[in-house]
Every structure is written in structure tokens, then in C-alpha cells.
Amino acid sequence: MRIWIILSFLFLINTRIFGQEQEISSSTKTTPMTDGFQKKITEEEILKTLDSSNDGYYCSFVDLGHVYSYLIDTRLNVFRGKDEQWAIAIERLGYNPRAGAVVLEIYYYGNCLKNLEIYNNRPLNYYSVYPIDNDNFNETIDGEILKLDAKFWLVRGQQVPISHNKKLYIRAGIELKEYAPNEISIEEAGRLAVLQSRDLFRATDEELYKSIPKGLAKILVLDQWFHKDFDLQISPKMTDEQLRQTYEFNKNLTGLDEMSFETFAQSIRQQEVFKDEWDIEMWENNRPSSYETWQLIAKVIAENAPEQYKPTLKPNTHWSNWPDSGTM
């Protein structure tokens, strides 16, 4: 069984690497016609699209535990059309200190996606929305903490109170880090603010339909679900010639501390082994098709039946379950 899984994983990776002339996977294509009839979408095709979401460039599976962004809130939206078109839009709200903003990222998956963002001539399967007015936000923060006189954030034109009252945070189950007395971090303030005005921080229908055809109906919305991050480190292995060129370039640039080519090559090959082991373990344990959540969602889409979503796994998408998010 393990051998079959590894071979399947390697086949997928090779397909994604050596099929790079395609703009994006079949997730952006409509379901083909067969003998004049629309081909019925299957659960297997939906799961395959989700399993193929990491393209080695700028498309990926939503990463709730992203180390550059403190998780604040999530939502999952499922769309279905009458002509076998389908799409999923996953919202991830987080505070990104590097971007200096609270960012709502919307990740798209489906067989009919359109109007995707482009970067370096490659498609991205997500785009970012900034629900808090930038000028107002900057007036309320000092580095990564809330200013003592900060009163509100202007979210989509409406004032949302932000608080320094510790009791409110305690009641909400938000444990303050307080590296200094009375200090409130931005992600802590955001988590409390979302509890008070969640709809303002979430995507509007206009934002959700940016890359989804308007004719698709929203058939299922989940505020929580069981989730596993699925982060494949896809990249082609370096040839011996590429290794030699990389060695010579870095040697001329830095000297490489007089490292020999043989030592350099051995180090690179060892890194590739570690990466392959990471990817194989990730594929076996975390790919969407390997667990209940996405199996059920695929059934919902294929049968156009939201009542099929009857999970048994405990939801884990609350920010408290992702303590490593934002830690770098």
C-alpha cells in the first residue's frame, strides 16, 4: 500500500513539474462535453483537483498555520452550477506583521475559475483583501501592538471598537501574551474585534465571485471544519550540470569557505532527500483526499447535495488550534 501511495505521489509531482507549460491545472477548465452531454463531475475528479493544488509556483492549498501570518478567522464556501461547474473559496483572515496589515486571503479551487491574479506570468489561486482602512489602522498601532489611545478600526467604512479591557479578552478565551504590562498585540485585538463584527471582516459576495462564474450557487458555508495544512515543496531536482553551475556561481560570489564541489553536491543532494521525505509524508497524511472533510465536500459537490456534509471529526480551524501561525 505504501509503495502505491509513493508511486502515485511521484507521478503527481512529475506531472506538476514537467507539465509546467500549462498555465494551471485542470482546476481552471470546464468539464468536457461527451456525445453532446455535459460529463458528470465525480468525487474523484474533485479530490484530484484539490490534491493537485500545489503547483510548485504560486498556487497552493490554504495554509492556516502559515508562519508569517497570525490566524484570526476562517470560512469555507462551496459553489455549484447546473452545468457541472464547481468551485470552493476558502477565507483566511490573519495579521501579517511583514505586510503590516490584517489581510483577508481568499483561496480558490474548482473546474471553472476565471480572472485569477497573475504574478511572474503565472496564475495565483488566491488574492488579498484589506478590510481595515490603511490610514486608520496605522494610526492605531505601534509596531506590532495596539496604541493605548486606540479606540476603533474603520472596517469597510464602519467603526469597530478595539479594546484594552483585559476582562473582555479573558471572557472571549483570548490569552494575552503581555510581553510588557497592559500590552495588546494586533492579532489579539483582531480576534476580539472579529467576535463583535465578524461579517465586516469576511468576504463579500462580490469578492468571493471575483474568480467564480456568477451563475454558480453557494450551496454550503462552513464557519469551522477539520483541516490539515498540505504544503508540498515541489521543485525539480538539479542536474549534475546545474549543480556544477550553481557551485561555480556561489564560489565566485562568496568563496563558499573553500568548500569542494563534492562536499557542496553531497549537501544539496541530502537536502533533496529530506525534502522528498517531507513531501511523501505530507502526501500520505495530509492531502485533501486522505481524510473525511474533503471527501464529504466532494460528495456534496458531485451530488449537489449539501445535506451530505455530516462530519464526525472535531473542527480545528479556530485560531487557538494553530499556535505556530505568525511565529516567524
C-alpha atoms as a PDB file:
ATOM      1  CA  MET A   1       0.000   0.000   0.000  1.00  0.00           C
ATOM      2  CA  ARG A   2       2.804   2.405   0.943  1.00  0.00           C
ATOM      3  CA  ILE A   3       4.601   1.699  -2.358  1.00  0.00           C
ATOM      4  CA  TRP A   4       1.438   2.502  -4.338  1.00  0.00           C
ATOM      5  CA  ILE A   5       0.981   5.766  -2.428  1.00  0.00           C
ATOM      6  CA  ILE A   6       4.583   6.804  -3.060  1.00  0.00           C
ATOM      7  CA  LEU A   7       4.352   5.956  -6.769  1.00  0.00           C
ATOM      8  CA  SER A   8       1.093   7.909  -7.044  1.00  0.00           C
ATOM      9  CA  PHE A   9       2.714  10.835  -5.259  1.00  0.00           C
ATOM     10  CA  LEU A  10       5.746  10.774  -7.559  1.00  0.00           C
ATOM     11  CA  PHE A  11       3.508  10.541 -10.624  1.00  0.00           C
ATOM     12  CA  LEU A  12       1.574  13.616  -9.483  1.00  0.00           C
ATOM     13  CA  ILE A  13       4.772  15.539  -8.729  1.00  0.00           C
ATOM     14  CA  ASN A  14       6.286  14.665 -12.100  1.00  0.00           C
ATOM     15  CA  THR A  15       3.083  15.708 -13.806  1.00  0.00           C
ATOM     16  CA  ARG A  16       3.090  19.049 -11.991  1.00  0.00           C
ATOM     17  CA  ILE A  17       6.795  19.703 -12.634  1.00  0.00           C
ATOM     18  CA  PHE A  18       7.147  18.564 -16.209  1.00  0.00           C
ATOM     19  CA  GLY A  19       3.739  19.835 -17.262  1.00  0.00           C
ATOM     20  CA  GLN A  20       4.663  23.411 -16.397  1.00  0.00           C
ATOM     21  CA  GLU A  21       3.777  24.684 -19.836  1.00  0.00           C
ATOM     22  CA  GLN A  22       0.160  24.594 -18.646  1.00  0.00           C
ATOM     23  CA  GLU A  23      -1.000  27.840 -17.041  1.00  0.00           C
ATOM     24  CA  ILE A  24      -2.688  25.977 -14.211  1.00  0.00           C
ATOM     25  CA  SER A  25      -4.062  22.501 -13.552  1.00  0.00           C
ATOM     26  CA  SER A  26      -7.382  21.235 -14.828  1.00  0.00           C
ATOM     27  CA  SER A  27      -8.952  23.137 -11.947  1.00  0.00           C
ATOM     28  CA  THR A  28      -9.488  26.127 -14.248  1.00  0.00           C
ATOM     29  CA  LYS A  29     -11.081  24.179 -17.060  1.00  0.00           C
ATOM     30  CA  THR A  30     -14.738  23.439 -17.562  1.00  0.00           C
ATOM     31  CA  THR A  31     -15.904  19.842 -17.596  1.00  0.00           C
ATOM     32  CA  PRO A  32     -15.734  18.484 -21.178  1.00  0.00           C
ATOM     33  CA  MET A  33     -18.728  17.544 -23.281  1.00  0.00           C
ATOM     34  CA  THR A  34     -19.270  13.870 -24.139  1.00  0.00           C
ATOM     35  CA  ASP A  35     -21.581  12.947 -27.051  1.00  0.00           C
ATOM     36  CA  GLY A  36     -23.422  16.230 -26.697  1.00  0.00           C
ATOM     37  CA  PHE A  37     -23.981  15.831 -22.954  1.00  0.00           C
ATOM     38  CA  GLN A  38     -22.154  17.505 -20.117  1.00  0.00           C
ATOM     39  CA  LYS A  39     -19.904  14.989 -18.384  1.00  0.00           C
ATOM     40  CA  LYS A  40     -20.997  14.454 -14.777  1.00  0.00           C
ATOM     41  CA  ILE A  41     -18.369  15.630 -12.322  1.00  0.00           C
ATOM     42  CA  THR A  42     -17.168  12.918  -9.960  1.00  0.00           C
ATOM     43  CA  GLU A  43     -15.920  12.953  -6.388  1.00  0.00           C
ATOM     44  CA  GLU A  44     -12.601  11.558  -7.629  1.00  0.00           C
ATOM     45  CA  GLU A  45     -12.096  14.458 -10.045  1.00  0.00           C
ATOM     46  CA  ILE A  46     -12.861  16.999  -7.336  1.00  0.00           C
ATOM     47  CA  LEU A  47     -10.433  15.389  -4.904  1.00  0.00           C
ATOM     48  CA  LYS A  48      -7.771  15.143  -7.605  1.00  0.00           C
ATOM     49  CA  THR A  49      -8.086  18.883  -8.213  1.00  0.00           C
ATOM     50  CA  LEU A  50      -7.610  19.577  -4.503  1.00  0.00           C
ATOM     51  CA  ASP A  51      -4.683  17.156  -4.264  1.00  0.00           C
ATOM     52  CA  SER A  52      -3.061  18.988  -7.211  1.00  0.00           C
ATOM     53  CA  SER A  53      -3.436  22.438  -5.696  1.00  0.00           C
ATOM     54  CA  ASN A  54       0.308  22.917  -5.042  1.00  0.00           C
ATOM     55  CA  ASP A  55       1.831  23.671  -8.439  1.00  0.00           C
ATOM     56  CA  GLY A  56       5.380  24.488  -7.372  1.00  0.00           C
ATOM     57  CA  TYR A  57       4.874  28.143  -8.264  1.00  0.00           C
ATOM     58  CA  TYR A  58       2.173  30.381  -6.768  1.00  0.00           C
ATOM     59  CA  CYS A  59      -0.840  28.088  -6.390  1.00  0.00           C
ATOM     60  CA  SER A  60      -1.212  26.253  -3.098  1.00  0.00           C
ATOM     61  CA  PHE A  61      -3.577  24.698  -0.608  1.00  0.00           C
ATOM     62  CA  VAL A  62      -4.721  27.143   2.051  1.00  0.00           C
ATOM     63  CA  ASP A  63      -2.220  27.249   4.918  1.00  0.00           C
ATOM     64  CA  LEU A  64      -3.961  28.006   8.218  1.00  0.00           C
ATOM     65  CA  GLY A  65      -0.728  27.640  10.146  1.00  0.00           C
ATOM     66  CA  HIS A  66       1.308  29.966   7.928  1.00  0.00           C
ATOM     67  CA  VAL A  67       4.277  31.113   9.985  1.00  0.00           C
ATOM     68  CA  TYR A  68       4.191  34.648   8.538  1.00  0.00           C
ATOM     69  CA  SER A  69       0.564  35.351   9.465  1.00  0.00           C
ATOM     70  CA  TYR A  70      -1.266  35.034  12.788  1.00  0.00           C
ATOM     71  CA  LEU A  71      -4.561  33.251  12.153  1.00  0.00           C
ATOM     72  CA  ILE A  72      -7.643  35.234  13.199  1.00  0.00           C
ATOM     73  CA  ASP A  73     -10.657  33.727  11.406  1.00  0.00           C
ATOM     74  CA  THR A  74     -11.691  31.311   8.639  1.00  0.00           C
ATOM     75  CA  ARG A  75     -14.661  30.434   6.457  1.00  0.00           C
ATOM     76  CA  LEU A  76     -15.235  27.904   3.668  1.00  0.00           C
ATOM     77  CA  ASN A  77     -17.674  28.479   0.790  1.00  0.00           C
ATOM     78  CA  VAL A  78     -18.799  25.805  -1.703  1.00  0.00           C
ATOM     79  CA  PHE A  79     -20.327  26.674  -5.081  1.00  0.00           C
ATOM     80  CA  ARG A  80     -22.126  24.506  -7.660  1.00  0.00           C
ATOM     81  CA  GLY A  81     -23.521  25.192 -11.124  1.00  0.00           C
ATOM     82  CA  LYS A  82     -26.179  23.391 -13.125  1.00  0.00           C
ATOM     83  CA  ASP A  83     -23.643  22.512 -15.827  1.00  0.00           C
ATOM     84  CA  GLU A  84     -21.291  20.510 -13.559  1.00  0.00           C
ATOM     85  CA  GLN A  85     -19.144  23.549 -12.772  1.00  0.00           C
ATOM     86  CA  TRP A  86     -17.948  23.802  -9.194  1.00  0.00           C
ATOM     87  CA  ALA A  87     -15.721  25.951  -7.026  1.00  0.00           C
ATOM     88  CA  ILE A  88     -14.508  26.328  -3.450  1.00  0.00           C
ATOM     89  CA  ALA A  89     -13.468  29.653  -1.901  1.00  0.00           C
ATOM     90  CA  ILE A  90     -11.670  29.488   1.456  1.00  0.00           C
ATOM     91  CA  GLU A  91     -11.249  32.658   3.506  1.00  0.00           C
ATOM     92  CA  ARG A  92      -8.248  33.068   5.789  1.00  0.00           C
ATOM     93  CA  LEU A  93      -8.111  36.239   7.886  1.00  0.00           C
ATOM     94  CA  GLY A  94      -4.790  36.895   9.559  1.00  0.00           C
ATOM     95  CA  TYR A  95      -2.405  39.535  10.821  1.00  0.00           C
ATOM     96  CA  ASN A  96       0.788  39.613   8.769  1.00  0.00           C
ATOM     97  CA  PRO A  97       3.498  41.674  10.534  1.00  0.00           C
ATOM     98  CA  ARG A  98       5.638  41.719   7.385  1.00  0.00           C
ATOM     99  CA  ALA A  99       2.805  43.237   5.388  1.00  0.00           C
ATOM    100  CA  GLY A 100       1.874  45.472   8.314  1.00  0.00           C
ATOM    101  CA  ALA A 101      -1.812  44.679   7.877  1.00  0.00           C
ATOM    102  CA  VAL A 102      -4.739  42.461   8.746  1.00  0.00           C
ATOM    103  CA  VAL A 103      -5.237  40.579   5.497  1.00  0.00           C
ATOM    104  CA  LEU A 104      -8.178  38.542   4.223  1.00  0.00           C
ATOM    105  CA  GLU A 105      -6.875  35.974   1.727  1.00  0.00           C
ATOM    106  CA  ILE A 106      -9.358  34.138  -0.492  1.00  0.00           C
ATOM    107  CA  TYR A 107      -8.145  30.818  -1.935  1.00  0.00           C
ATOM    108  CA  TYR A 108      -9.894  29.347  -4.980  1.00  0.00           C
ATOM    109  CA  TYR A 109     -10.267  25.784  -6.242  1.00  0.00           C
ATOM    110  CA  GLY A 110     -12.571  24.442  -8.947  1.00  0.00           C
ATOM    111  CA  ASN A 111     -13.042  23.499 -12.595  1.00  0.00           C
ATOM    112  CA  CYS A 112     -14.256  26.877 -13.859  1.00  0.00           C
ATOM    113  CA  LEU A 113     -12.046  29.515 -12.245  1.00  0.00           C
ATOM    114  CA  LYS A 114     -11.572  32.814 -14.058  1.00  0.00           C
ATOM    115  CA  ASN A 115      -9.901  36.176 -13.576  1.00  0.00           C
ATOM    116  CA  LEU A 116      -7.129  34.783 -11.368  1.00  0.00           C
ATOM    117  CA  GLU A 117      -4.352  37.084 -10.244  1.00  0.00           C
ATOM    118  CA  ILE A 118      -1.095  36.802 -12.231  1.00  0.00           C
ATOM    119  CA  TYR A 119       2.450  37.012 -10.873  1.00  0.00           C
ATOM    120  CA  ASN A 120       5.585  36.490 -12.997  1.00  0.00           C
ATOM    121  CA  ASN A 121       3.321  35.316 -15.817  1.00  0.00           C
ATOM    122  CA  ARG A 122       1.951  32.523 -13.605  1.00  0.00           C
ATOM    123  CA  PRO A 123      -1.537  32.305 -12.049  1.00  0.00           C
ATOM    124  CA  LEU A 124      -2.195  32.634  -8.333  1.00  0.00           C
ATOM    125  CA  ASN A 125      -5.158  30.799  -6.848  1.00  0.00           C
ATOM    126  CA  TYR A 126      -5.681  33.441  -4.175  1.00  0.00           C
ATOM    127  CA  TYR A 127      -5.960  37.178  -3.774  1.00  0.00           C
ATOM    128  CA  SER A 128      -5.855  39.548  -0.822  1.00  0.00           C
ATOM    129  CA  VAL A 129      -8.441  41.943   0.588  1.00  0.00           C
ATOM    130  CA  TYR A 130      -7.666  44.571   3.255  1.00  0.00           C
ATOM    131  CA  PRO A 131     -10.888  45.131   5.220  1.00  0.00           C
ATOM    132  CA  ILE A 132      -9.417  47.759   7.606  1.00  0.00           C
ATOM    133  CA  ASP A 133      -8.752  51.265   6.295  1.00  0.00           C
ATOM    134  CA  ASN A 134      -4.977  51.562   5.972  1.00  0.00           C
ATOM    135  CA  ASP A 135      -4.599  55.103   7.353  1.00  0.00           C
ATOM    136  CA  ASN A 136      -6.854  54.372  10.314  1.00  0.00           C
ATOM    137  CA  PHE A 137      -5.044  51.090  11.036  1.00  0.00           C
ATOM    138  CA  ASN A 138      -1.615  52.736  11.052  1.00  0.00           C
ATOM    139  CA  GLU A 139      -2.880  55.406  13.460  1.00  0.00           C
ATOM    140  CA  THR A 140      -3.858  52.725  15.985  1.00  0.00           C
ATOM    141  CA  ILE A 141      -0.691  50.617  16.074  1.00  0.00           C
ATOM    142  CA  ASP A 142       2.857  50.977  17.337  1.00  0.00           C
ATOM    143  CA  GLY A 143       4.912  48.289  15.678  1.00  0.00           C
ATOM    144  CA  GLU A 144       3.021  45.071  16.355  1.00  0.00           C
ATOM    145  CA  ILE A 145       0.993  46.279  19.331  1.00  0.00           C
ATOM    146  CA  LEU A 146      -2.085  48.420  19.869  1.00  0.00           C
ATOM    147  CA  LYS A 147      -1.588  52.023  20.915  1.00  0.00           C
ATOM    148  CA  LEU A 148      -3.015  52.856  24.345  1.00  0.00           C
ATOM    149  CA  ASP A 149      -5.287  55.531  22.893  1.00  0.00           C
ATOM    150  CA  ALA A 150      -6.600  53.377  20.014  1.00  0.00           C
ATOM    151  CA  LYS A 151     -10.409  53.343  20.046  1.00  0.00           C
ATOM    152  CA  PHE A 152     -11.653  51.735  16.827  1.00  0.00           C
ATOM    153  CA  TRP A 153     -10.773  50.307  13.430  1.00  0.00           C
ATOM    154  CA  LEU A 154     -12.561  51.537  10.340  1.00  0.00           C
ATOM    155  CA  VAL A 155     -13.678  48.273   8.732  1.00  0.00           C
ATOM    156  CA  ARG A 156     -15.433  48.615   5.375  1.00  0.00           C
ATOM    157  CA  GLY A 157     -16.439  52.124   6.382  1.00  0.00           C
ATOM    158  CA  GLN A 158     -17.830  51.175   9.799  1.00  0.00           C
ATOM    159  CA  GLN A 159     -16.245  51.791  13.203  1.00  0.00           C
ATOM    160  CA  VAL A 160     -15.418  48.566  15.043  1.00  0.00           C
ATOM    161  CA  PRO A 161     -14.366  49.112  18.689  1.00  0.00           C
ATOM    162  CA  ILE A 162     -10.954  47.831  19.778  1.00  0.00           C
ATOM    163  CA  SER A 163     -10.311  47.383  23.461  1.00  0.00           C
ATOM    164  CA  HIS A 164      -7.610  47.345  26.154  1.00  0.00           C
ATOM    165  CA  ASN A 165     -10.015  45.829  28.676  1.00  0.00           C
ATOM    166  CA  LYS A 166      -8.353  42.579  29.783  1.00  0.00           C
ATOM    167  CA  LYS A 167     -11.628  41.170  31.103  1.00  0.00           C
ATOM    168  CA  LEU A 168     -13.137  41.232  27.610  1.00  0.00           C
ATOM    169  CA  TYR A 169     -10.236  39.201  26.263  1.00  0.00           C
ATOM    170  CA  ILE A 170     -10.434  36.707  29.130  1.00  0.00           C
ATOM    171  CA  ARG A 171     -14.172  36.209  28.583  1.00  0.00           C
ATOM    172  CA  ALA A 172     -13.507  35.609  24.896  1.00  0.00           C
ATOM    173  CA  GLY A 173     -10.878  32.961  25.661  1.00  0.00           C
ATOM    174  CA  ILE A 174      -8.031  35.102  24.350  1.00  0.00           C
ATOM    175  CA  GLU A 175      -4.946  34.664  26.494  1.00  0.00           C
ATOM    176  CA  LEU A 176      -2.852  37.828  26.275  1.00  0.00           C
ATOM    177  CA  LYS A 177       0.895  37.461  25.768  1.00  0.00           C
ATOM    178  CA  GLU A 178       1.661  40.752  27.557  1.00  0.00           C
ATOM    179  CA  TYR A 179       5.390  40.912  26.892  1.00  0.00           C
ATOM    180  CA  ALA A 180       5.013  44.304  28.573  1.00  0.00           C
ATOM    181  CA  PRO A 181       2.320  45.363  31.094  1.00  0.00           C
ATOM    182  CA  ASN A 182      -1.074  46.208  29.518  1.00  0.00           C
ATOM    183  CA  GLU A 183       0.229  45.359  26.057  1.00  0.00           C
ATOM    184  CA  ILE A 184      -2.291  44.145  23.454  1.00  0.00           C
ATOM    185  CA  SER A 185      -0.917  42.629  20.269  1.00  0.00           C
ATOM    186  CA  ILE A 186      -2.607  43.322  16.954  1.00  0.00           C
ATOM    187  CA  GLU A 187      -3.685  39.721  16.401  1.00  0.00           C
ATOM    188  CA  GLU A 188      -5.240  39.655  19.889  1.00  0.00           C
ATOM    189  CA  ALA A 189      -7.161  42.852  19.158  1.00  0.00           C
ATOM    190  CA  GLY A 190      -8.220  41.414  15.817  1.00  0.00           C
ATOM    191  CA  ARG A 191      -9.511  38.200  17.360  1.00  0.00           C
ATOM    192  CA  LEU A 192     -11.681  40.147  19.780  1.00  0.00           C
ATOM    193  CA  ALA A 193     -12.895  42.565  17.111  1.00  0.00           C
ATOM    194  CA  VAL A 194     -13.938  39.689  14.844  1.00  0.00           C
ATOM    195  CA  LEU A 195     -16.140  38.256  17.597  1.00  0.00           C
ATOM    196  CA  GLN A 196     -18.014  41.560  17.672  1.00  0.00           C
ATOM    197  CA  SER A 197     -18.257  42.262  13.922  1.00  0.00           C
ATOM    198  CA  ARG A 198     -17.420  39.040  12.087  1.00  0.00           C
ATOM    199  CA  ASP A 199     -19.381  39.808   8.909  1.00  0.00           C
ATOM    200  CA  LEU A 200     -17.410  43.006   8.283  1.00  0.00           C
ATOM    201  CA  PHE A 201     -14.133  41.093   8.259  1.00  0.00           C
ATOM    202  CA  ARG A 202     -15.373  38.356   5.947  1.00  0.00           C
ATOM    203  CA  ALA A 203     -15.510  38.396   2.158  1.00  0.00           C
ATOM    204  CA  THR A 204     -18.457  39.977   0.414  1.00  0.00           C
ATOM    205  CA  ASP A 205     -20.211  38.044  -2.345  1.00  0.00           C
ATOM    206  CA  GLU A 206     -18.605  40.389  -4.869  1.00  0.00           C
ATOM    207  CA  GLU A 207     -15.180  39.448  -3.530  1.00  0.00           C
ATOM    208  CA  LEU A 208     -15.984  35.736  -3.439  1.00  0.00           C
ATOM    209  CA  TYR A 209     -17.258  35.754  -7.024  1.00  0.00           C
ATOM    210  CA  LYS A 210     -14.182  37.564  -8.344  1.00  0.00           C
ATOM    211  CA  SER A 211     -12.815  34.321  -9.794  1.00  0.00           C
ATOM    212  CA  ILE A 212     -16.030  32.262  -9.842  1.00  0.00           C
ATOM    213  CA  PRO A 213     -18.735  32.476 -12.538  1.00  0.00           C
ATOM    214  CA  LYS A 214     -21.773  34.363 -11.274  1.00  0.00           C
ATOM    215  CA  GLY A 215     -24.097  31.521 -12.308  1.00  0.00           C
ATOM    216  CA  LEU A 216     -22.804  29.193  -9.606  1.00  0.00           C
ATOM    217  CA  ALA A 217     -24.915  28.971  -6.463  1.00  0.00           C
ATOM    218  CA  LYS A 218     -23.409  28.998  -2.984  1.00  0.00           C
ATOM    219  CA  ILE A 219     -24.623  25.658  -1.613  1.00  0.00           C
ATOM    220  CA  LEU A 220     -22.603  25.257   1.583  1.00  0.00           C
ATOM    221  CA  VAL A 221     -20.875  27.636   4.025  1.00  0.00           C
ATOM    222  CA  LEU A 222     -18.759  26.365   6.916  1.00  0.00           C
ATOM    223  CA  ASP A 223     -17.511  28.541   9.757  1.00  0.00           C
ATOM    224  CA  GLN A 224     -15.436  25.629  11.067  1.00  0.00           C
ATOM    225  CA  TRP A 225     -14.186  22.268   9.812  1.00  0.00           C
ATOM    226  CA  PHE A 226     -11.423  19.739  10.402  1.00  0.00           C
ATOM    227  CA  HIS A 227      -8.345  20.835   8.465  1.00  0.00           C
ATOM    228  CA  LYS A 228      -4.800  19.710   7.704  1.00  0.00           C
ATOM    229  CA  ASP A 229      -2.277  22.015   6.083  1.00  0.00           C
ATOM    230  CA  PHE A 230      -0.956  20.489   2.850  1.00  0.00           C
ATOM    231  CA  ASP A 231       2.349  22.093   1.920  1.00  0.00           C
ATOM    232  CA  LEU A 232       4.261  20.204  -0.738  1.00  0.00           C
ATOM    233  CA  GLN A 233       7.721  21.572  -1.502  1.00  0.00           C
ATOM    234  CA  ILE A 234       7.529  20.908  -5.220  1.00  0.00           C
ATOM    235  CA  SER A 235      10.619  21.689  -7.280  1.00  0.00           C
ATOM    236  CA  PRO A 236      12.577  19.790  -9.945  1.00  0.00           C
ATOM    237  CA  LYS A 237      15.845  18.186  -8.882  1.00  0.00           C
ATOM    238  CA  MET A 238      19.031  19.851 -10.082  1.00  0.00           C
ATOM    239  CA  THR A 239      21.006  18.048 -12.780  1.00  0.00           C
ATOM    240  CA  ASP A 240      24.730  17.463 -12.283  1.00  0.00           C
ATOM    241  CA  GLU A 241      25.398  20.266 -14.756  1.00  0.00           C
ATOM    242  CA  GLN A 242      23.117  22.644 -12.835  1.00  0.00           C
ATOM    243  CA  LEU A 243      24.846  21.660  -9.610  1.00  0.00           C
ATOM    244  CA  ARG A 244      28.229  22.471 -11.120  1.00  0.00           C
ATOM    245  CA  GLN A 245      26.972  25.846 -12.425  1.00  0.00           C
ATOM    246  CA  THR A 246      25.450  26.683  -9.027  1.00  0.00           C
ATOM    247  CA  TYR A 247      28.678  25.729  -7.293  1.00  0.00           C
ATOM    248  CA  GLU A 248      30.825  27.870  -9.572  1.00  0.00           C
ATOM    249  CA  PHE A 249      28.471  30.846  -9.264  1.00  0.00           C
ATOM    250  CA  ASN A 250      28.428  30.739  -5.449  1.00  0.00           C
ATOM    251  CA  LYS A 251      32.155  30.082  -5.252  1.00  0.00           C
ATOM    252  CA  ASN A 252      32.872  33.187  -7.325  1.00  0.00           C
ATOM    253  CA  LEU A 253      30.358  35.167  -5.279  1.00  0.00           C
ATOM    254  CA  THR A 254      31.182  34.096  -1.720  1.00  0.00           C
ATOM    255  CA  GLY A 255      34.116  31.699  -1.883  1.00  0.00           C
ATOM    256  CA  LEU A 256      31.990  29.026  -0.154  1.00  0.00           C
ATOM    257  CA  ASP A 257      34.635  28.880   2.600  1.00  0.00           C
ATOM    258  CA  GLU A 258      36.819  26.798   0.262  1.00  0.00           C
ATOM    259  CA  MET A 259      34.200  24.034   0.127  1.00  0.00           C
ATOM    260  CA  SER A 260      34.906  21.427  -2.549  1.00  0.00           C
ATOM    261  CA  PHE A 261      32.395  20.672  -5.289  1.00  0.00           C
ATOM    262  CA  GLU A 262      31.965  17.132  -3.951  1.00  0.00           C
ATOM    263  CA  THR A 263      31.009  18.410  -0.480  1.00  0.00           C
ATOM    264  CA  PHE A 264      28.691  21.028  -1.982  1.00  0.00           C
ATOM    265  CA  ALA A 265      26.968  18.444  -4.205  1.00  0.00           C
ATOM    266  CA  GLN A 266      26.568  15.994  -1.306  1.00  0.00           C
ATOM    267  CA  SER A 267      24.957  18.723   0.804  1.00  0.00           C
ATOM    268  CA  ILE A 268      22.468  19.638  -1.937  1.00  0.00           C
ATOM    269  CA  ARG A 269      21.561  16.005  -2.609  1.00  0.00           C
ATOM    270  CA  GLN A 270      20.974  15.442   1.111  1.00  0.00           C
ATOM    271  CA  GLN A 271      18.620  18.426   1.209  1.00  0.00           C
ATOM    272  CA  GLU A 272      16.707  16.924  -1.717  1.00  0.00           C
ATOM    273  CA  VAL A 273      16.342  13.657   0.201  1.00  0.00           C
ATOM    274  CA  PHE A 274      14.956  15.478   3.242  1.00  0.00           C
ATOM    275  CA  LYS A 275      12.547  17.426   1.010  1.00  0.00           C
ATOM    276  CA  ASP A 276      11.394  14.241  -0.731  1.00  0.00           C
ATOM    277  CA  GLU A 277      10.764  12.569   2.617  1.00  0.00           C
ATOM    278  CA  TRP A 278       8.789  15.619   3.782  1.00  0.00           C
ATOM    279  CA  ASP A 279       6.706  15.606   0.597  1.00  0.00           C
ATOM    280  CA  ILE A 280       5.987  11.870   0.757  1.00  0.00           C
ATOM    281  CA  GLU A 281       4.892  12.085   4.386  1.00  0.00           C
ATOM    282  CA  MET A 282       2.805  15.174   3.606  1.00  0.00           C
ATOM    283  CA  TRP A 283       1.201  13.369   0.651  1.00  0.00           C
ATOM    284  CA  GLU A 284       0.393  10.265   2.655  1.00  0.00           C
ATOM    285  CA  ASN A 285      -1.067  12.018   5.680  1.00  0.00           C
ATOM    286  CA  ASN A 286      -2.289  15.493   4.682  1.00  0.00           C
ATOM    287  CA  ARG A 287      -3.505  15.502   1.087  1.00  0.00           C
ATOM    288  CA  PRO A 288      -7.191  16.527   0.976  1.00  0.00           C
ATOM    289  CA  SER A 289      -8.396  13.218  -0.466  1.00  0.00           C
ATOM    290  CA  SER A 290      -6.900  11.351   2.506  1.00  0.00           C
ATOM    291  CA  TYR A 291      -9.411  12.489   5.121  1.00  0.00           C
ATOM    292  CA  GLU A 292     -13.080  12.994   5.784  1.00  0.00           C
ATOM    293  CA  THR A 293     -13.582  16.749   5.367  1.00  0.00           C
ATOM    294  CA  TRP A 294     -12.794  16.953   1.678  1.00  0.00           C
ATOM    295  CA  GLN A 295     -14.265  13.551   0.897  1.00  0.00           C
ATOM    296  CA  LEU A 296     -17.585  14.823   2.230  1.00  0.00           C
ATOM    297  CA  ILE A 297     -17.298  18.159   0.438  1.00  0.00           C
ATOM    298  CA  ALA A 298     -16.538  16.335  -2.812  1.00  0.00           C
ATOM    299  CA  LYS A 299     -19.711  14.294  -2.299  1.00  0.00           C
ATOM    300  CA  VAL A 300     -21.701  17.475  -1.610  1.00  0.00           C
ATOM    301  CA  ILE A 301     -20.473  18.983  -4.884  1.00  0.00           C
ATOM    302  CA  ALA A 302     -20.831  15.858  -7.037  1.00  0.00           C
ATOM    303  CA  GLU A 303     -24.380  15.200  -5.857  1.00  0.00           C
ATOM    304  CA  ASN A 304     -25.281  18.890  -5.453  1.00  0.00           C
ATOM    305  CA  ALA A 305     -26.493  17.911  -2.001  1.00  0.00           C
ATOM    306  CA  PRO A 306     -25.278  19.989   0.981  1.00  0.00           C
ATOM    307  CA  GLU A 307     -27.093  17.622   3.333  1.00  0.00           C
ATOM    308  CA  GLN A 308     -24.356  15.069   2.589  1.00  0.00           C
ATOM    309  CA  TYR A 309     -21.946  17.045   4.756  1.00  0.00           C
ATOM    310  CA  LYS A 310     -22.171  15.113   8.035  1.00  0.00           C
ATOM    311  CA  PRO A 311     -18.712  15.278   9.611  1.00  0.00           C
ATOM    312  CA  THR A 312     -17.568  13.115  12.510  1.00  0.00           C
ATOM    313  CA  LEU A 313     -14.174  14.791  13.034  1.00  0.00           C
ATOM    314  CA  LYS A 314     -13.966  17.625  15.550  1.00  0.00           C
ATOM    315  CA  PRO A 315     -13.440  21.041  13.888  1.00  0.00           C
ATOM    316  CA  ASN A 316      -9.991  22.557  14.398  1.00  0.00           C
ATOM    317  CA  THR A 317      -9.990  25.743  12.321  1.00  0.00           C
ATOM    318  CA  HIS A 318     -10.251  28.067  15.319  1.00  0.00           C
ATOM    319  CA  TRP A 319      -7.086  30.152  15.673  1.00  0.00           C
ATOM    320  CA  SER A 320      -6.296  28.588  19.057  1.00  0.00           C
ATOM    321  CA  ASN A 321      -5.547  25.298  17.293  1.00  0.00           C
ATOM    322  CA  TRP A 322      -2.790  26.887  15.172  1.00  0.00           C
ATOM    323  CA  PRO A 323      -0.309  28.280  17.723  1.00  0.00           C
ATOM    324  CA  ASP A 324       2.580  28.279  15.227  1.00  0.00           C
ATOM    325  CA  SER A 325       0.824  30.663  12.845  1.00  0.00           C
ATOM    326  CA  GLY A 326       2.639  34.012  12.640  1.00  0.00           C
ATOM    327  CA  THR A 327       5.610  32.865  14.699  1.00  0.00           C
ATOM    328  CA  MET A 328       8.288  33.881  12.174  1.00  0.00           C
END
